[in-house]
Amino acid sequence: MNFWVEYWNDINKKNNGSHAQMKEQLHWVEPDPKIISRRYFSTMMAATEFAKTVEKRGHMIRIKQDGFGH
């Protein structure tokens, strides 16, 4: 089974006002496929560790796998 991490910069963030103010409800907008980077791994543990480091740098991430569940 193969695993991969997709990551990209979230350019659709809205950060208006202070944390105490009501904010507009944000809806998920699928990123443009051209800006998504991918890195492939043979284990879920390796993919998860990489995803944590990328997320700490401010990227949006998602981990995917091929095939069926366990």
Protein backbone atom coordinates (compact mmCIF):
# COMPACT_ATOMS: atom_id res chain seq x y z
CA MET A 1 0.00 0.00 0.00
CA ASN A 2 1.33 3.46 -0.88
CA PHE A 3 0.80 6.69 1.05
CA TRP A 4 1.30 10.25 -0.05
CA VAL A 5 1.09 13.67 1.49
CA GLU A 6 -0.46 16.52 -0.46
CA TYR A 7 0.45 19.99 0.78
CA TRP A 8 -0.07 23.58 -0.30
CA ASN A 9 -0.13 27.12 1.05
CA ASP A 10 -3.59 28.21 2.12
CA ILE A 11 -4.09 31.44 0.21
CA ASN A 12 -7.83 31.66 0.98
CA LYS A 13 -7.44 32.54 4.67
CA LYS A 14 -9.55 35.42 5.92
CA ASN A 15 -8.30 36.97 9.12
CA ASN A 16 -10.44 40.03 9.71
CA GLY A 17 -10.93 41.65 13.09
CA SER A 18 -9.97 40.37 16.49
CA HIS A 19 -10.55 36.91 17.91
CA ALA A 20 -13.48 38.25 19.95
CA GLN A 21 -15.45 39.39 16.93
CA MET A 22 -17.87 37.17 15.07
CA LYS A 23 -16.32 35.91 11.87
CA GLU A 24 -17.94 34.88 8.64
CA GLN A 25 -18.43 31.12 8.43
CA LEU A 26 -15.71 29.82 6.12
CA HIS A 27 -16.47 27.08 3.64
CA TRP A 28 -13.98 24.58 2.27
CA VAL A 29 -12.67 25.54 -1.15
CA GLU A 30 -10.74 22.81 -2.94
CA PRO A 31 -7.26 24.12 -3.84
CA ASP A 32 -6.15 24.53 -7.42
CA PRO A 33 -4.47 21.24 -8.46
CA LYS A 34 -1.57 23.25 -9.93
CA ILE A 35 -0.45 24.43 -6.46
CA ILE A 36 -0.61 21.04 -4.71
CA SER A 37 2.75 19.39 -4.03
CA ARG A 38 2.97 15.66 -3.34
CA ARG A 39 5.46 13.42 -1.61
CA TYR A 40 5.17 9.63 -1.57
CA PHE A 41 5.95 7.19 1.28
CA SER A 42 5.86 3.45 1.85
CA THR A 43 4.59 3.67 5.47
CA MET A 44 1.89 5.69 7.18
CA MET A 45 4.31 6.55 9.99
CA ALA A 46 6.75 8.21 7.59
CA ALA A 47 3.92 10.10 5.86
CA THR A 48 2.56 11.31 9.20
CA GLU A 49 5.95 12.55 10.41
CA PHE A 50 6.51 14.44 7.16
CA ALA A 51 2.99 15.92 7.32
CA LYS A 52 3.61 17.21 10.85
CA THR A 53 6.75 19.07 9.82
CA VAL A 54 5.11 20.55 6.72
CA GLU A 55 2.07 21.64 8.73
CA LYS A 56 4.29 23.41 11.26
CA ARG A 57 5.63 25.51 8.36
CA GLY A 58 2.11 26.78 7.68
CA HIS A 59 1.01 24.51 4.84
CA MET A 60 -2.35 22.81 4.56
CA ILE A 61 -1.93 19.05 4.36
CA ARG A 62 -3.82 15.85 3.69
CA ILE A 63 -2.60 12.28 3.76
CA LYS A 64 -3.95 9.86 1.17
CA GLN A 65 -3.47 6.17 0.45
CA ASP A 66 -4.21 3.89 -2.43
CA GLY A 67 -6.01 0.60 -2.17
CA PHE A 68 -8.54 -0.34 0.49
CA GLY A 69 -8.51 0.04 4.27
CA HIS A 70 -6.81 -2.32 6.70
